[in-house]
Amino acid sequence: MASACALHILVKTEQQAIEIKAQLANGANFGVLAKKYSLCPSKKKGGDLGEFRRGKMVKAFDDVVFKRPILKVHGPIKTKFGYHLIKTLYRN
């Protein structure tokens, strides 16, 4: 079973996610922005979700982590929780 490690920032609105993504594109630190804005408990660890297996996250999230290029920020990705910016660190 495939596993991966990812960081994410979860916010309520697509507009806020777009604004944060722009800050990241301008060189802002992902972990710092996660601690400041994310609604997920993982924000304490800079958005780090640790390693998890395929199927553990909601499908839209899983699809990004397991199918899109690693080390790039993807999003906003809408789920039932809100809007995510996702950066996959590695997968195997």
C-alpha atoms as a PDB file:
ATOM      1  CA  MET A   1       0.000   0.000   0.000  1.00  0.00           C
ATOM      2  CA  ALA A   2       1.340   3.414  -0.975  1.00  0.00           C
ATOM      3  CA  SER A   3       2.165   5.954   1.710  1.00  0.00           C
ATOM      4  CA  ALA A   4       3.139   9.614   1.636  1.00  0.00           C
ATOM      5  CA  CYS A   5       4.036  12.574   3.805  1.00  0.00           C
ATOM      6  CA  ALA A   6       2.379  15.941   3.235  1.00  0.00           C
ATOM      7  CA  LEU A   7       1.955  19.416   4.657  1.00  0.00           C
ATOM      8  CA  HIS A   8      -1.303  21.299   4.343  1.00  0.00           C
ATOM      9  CA  ILE A   9      -3.020  24.537   5.242  1.00  0.00           C
ATOM     10  CA  LEU A  10      -6.786  24.374   5.774  1.00  0.00           C
ATOM     11  CA  VAL A  11      -8.891  27.546   5.560  1.00  0.00           C
ATOM     12  CA  LYS A  12     -12.611  28.346   5.281  1.00  0.00           C
ATOM     13  CA  THR A  13     -12.677  30.220   1.962  1.00  0.00           C
ATOM     14  CA  GLU A  14     -11.234  29.702  -1.492  1.00  0.00           C
ATOM     15  CA  GLN A  15     -10.221  33.377  -1.573  1.00  0.00           C
ATOM     16  CA  GLN A  16      -8.134  33.020   1.606  1.00  0.00           C
ATOM     17  CA  ALA A  17      -6.450  29.923   0.159  1.00  0.00           C
ATOM     18  CA  ILE A  18      -5.601  31.848  -3.028  1.00  0.00           C
ATOM     19  CA  GLU A  19      -4.114  34.718  -0.985  1.00  0.00           C
ATOM     20  CA  ILE A  20      -1.974  32.326   1.095  1.00  0.00           C
ATOM     21  CA  LYS A  21      -0.839  30.506  -2.069  1.00  0.00           C
ATOM     22  CA  ALA A  22       0.312  33.858  -3.479  1.00  0.00           C
ATOM     23  CA  GLN A  23       2.365  34.474  -0.321  1.00  0.00           C
ATOM     24  CA  LEU A  24       3.954  31.020  -0.750  1.00  0.00           C
ATOM     25  CA  ALA A  25       4.736  31.803  -4.398  1.00  0.00           C
ATOM     26  CA  ASN A  26       6.560  34.922  -3.183  1.00  0.00           C
ATOM     27  CA  GLY A  27       8.788  32.845  -0.913  1.00  0.00           C
ATOM     28  CA  ALA A  28       6.831  32.737   2.357  1.00  0.00           C
ATOM     29  CA  ASN A  29       7.523  29.743   4.614  1.00  0.00           C
ATOM     30  CA  PHE A  30       4.819  27.047   4.443  1.00  0.00           C
ATOM     31  CA  GLY A  31       5.145  26.106   8.114  1.00  0.00           C
ATOM     32  CA  VAL A  32       4.903  29.697   9.315  1.00  0.00           C
ATOM     33  CA  LEU A  33       1.749  30.313   7.264  1.00  0.00           C
ATOM     34  CA  ALA A  34       0.234  27.011   8.424  1.00  0.00           C
ATOM     35  CA  LYS A  35       0.748  28.013  12.066  1.00  0.00           C
ATOM     36  CA  LYS A  36      -0.811  31.419  11.387  1.00  0.00           C
ATOM     37  CA  TYR A  37      -3.827  30.491   9.232  1.00  0.00           C
ATOM     38  CA  SER A  38      -4.623  26.763   9.232  1.00  0.00           C
ATOM     39  CA  LEU A  39      -7.781  25.511  10.961  1.00  0.00           C
ATOM     40  CA  CYS A  40      -6.381  21.972  11.302  1.00  0.00           C
ATOM     41  CA  PRO A  41      -4.729  20.776  14.542  1.00  0.00           C
ATOM     42  CA  SER A  42      -1.674  19.949  12.375  1.00  0.00           C
ATOM     43  CA  LYS A  43      -0.972  23.685  12.308  1.00  0.00           C
ATOM     44  CA  LYS A  44       0.995  23.259  15.547  1.00  0.00           C
ATOM     45  CA  LYS A  45       3.497  21.230  13.490  1.00  0.00           C
ATOM     46  CA  GLY A  46       3.527  23.686  10.583  1.00  0.00           C
ATOM     47  CA  GLY A  47       0.820  21.761   8.757  1.00  0.00           C
ATOM     48  CA  ASP A  48       2.763  18.491   8.857  1.00  0.00           C
ATOM     49  CA  LEU A  49       0.405  15.521   8.663  1.00  0.00           C
ATOM     50  CA  GLY A  50       3.227  12.994   8.959  1.00  0.00           C
ATOM     51  CA  GLU A  51       3.191   9.791   6.957  1.00  0.00           C
ATOM     52  CA  PHE A  52      -0.153   8.266   6.011  1.00  0.00           C
ATOM     53  CA  ARG A  53      -1.467   5.598   3.667  1.00  0.00           C
ATOM     54  CA  ARG A  54      -3.552   6.044   0.538  1.00  0.00           C
ATOM     55  CA  GLY A  55      -7.232   6.033   1.486  1.00  0.00           C
ATOM     56  CA  LYS A  56      -6.768   7.563   4.940  1.00  0.00           C
ATOM     57  CA  MET A  57      -7.653  11.085   3.750  1.00  0.00           C
ATOM     58  CA  VAL A  58     -10.746  12.221   1.837  1.00  0.00           C
ATOM     59  CA  LYS A  59     -10.580  11.381  -1.882  1.00  0.00           C
ATOM     60  CA  ALA A  60      -9.897  14.910  -3.201  1.00  0.00           C
ATOM     61  CA  PHE A  61      -6.973  15.212  -0.769  1.00  0.00           C
ATOM     62  CA  ASP A  62      -5.658  11.724  -1.561  1.00  0.00           C
ATOM     63  CA  ASP A  63      -5.778  12.422  -5.306  1.00  0.00           C
ATOM     64  CA  VAL A  64      -3.460  15.414  -4.905  1.00  0.00           C
ATOM     65  CA  VAL A  65      -1.023  13.653  -2.578  1.00  0.00           C
ATOM     66  CA  PHE A  66      -0.755  10.451  -4.594  1.00  0.00           C
ATOM     67  CA  LYS A  67      -1.129  11.718  -8.187  1.00  0.00           C
ATOM     68  CA  ARG A  68       0.282  15.251  -8.489  1.00  0.00           C
ATOM     69  CA  PRO A  69       3.961  16.343  -8.499  1.00  0.00           C
ATOM     70  CA  ILE A  70       5.722  16.365  -5.130  1.00  0.00           C
ATOM     71  CA  LEU A  71       7.296  19.479  -3.537  1.00  0.00           C
ATOM     72  CA  LYS A  72       4.822  21.792  -5.279  1.00  0.00           C
ATOM     73  CA  VAL A  73       1.928  23.590  -3.578  1.00  0.00           C
ATOM     74  CA  HIS A  74      -1.428  22.421  -4.979  1.00  0.00           C
ATOM     75  CA  GLY A  75      -4.776  24.024  -4.374  1.00  0.00           C
ATOM     76  CA  PRO A  76      -7.091  25.375  -3.376  1.00  0.00           C
ATOM     77  CA  ILE A  77      -8.578  21.870  -3.066  1.00  0.00           C
ATOM     78  CA  LYS A  78     -12.152  21.861  -1.738  1.00  0.00           C
ATOM     79  CA  THR A  79     -13.245  19.155   0.720  1.00  0.00           C
ATOM     80  CA  LYS A  80     -16.005  18.957   3.329  1.00  0.00           C
ATOM     81  CA  PHE A  81     -13.533  20.535   5.768  1.00  0.00           C
ATOM     82  CA  GLY A  82     -12.818  23.656   3.709  1.00  0.00           C
ATOM     83  CA  TYR A  83     -10.074  24.619   1.255  1.00  0.00           C
ATOM     84  CA  HIS A  84      -6.632  23.059   1.396  1.00  0.00           C
ATOM     85  CA  LEU A  85      -3.226  23.997   0.094  1.00  0.00           C
ATOM     86  CA  ILE A  86      -1.254  20.765  -0.085  1.00  0.00           C
ATOM     87  CA  LYS A  87       2.464  20.120  -0.455  1.00  0.00           C
ATOM     88  CA  THR A  88       3.518  16.486  -0.708  1.00  0.00           C
ATOM     89  CA  LEU A  89       7.027  15.957   0.673  1.00  0.00           C
ATOM     90  CA  TYR A  90       7.473  12.368  -0.519  1.00  0.00           C
ATOM     91  CA  ARG A  91       5.554   9.228  -1.383  1.00  0.00           C
ATOM     92  CA  ASN A  92       6.485   5.591  -1.779  1.00  0.00           C
END
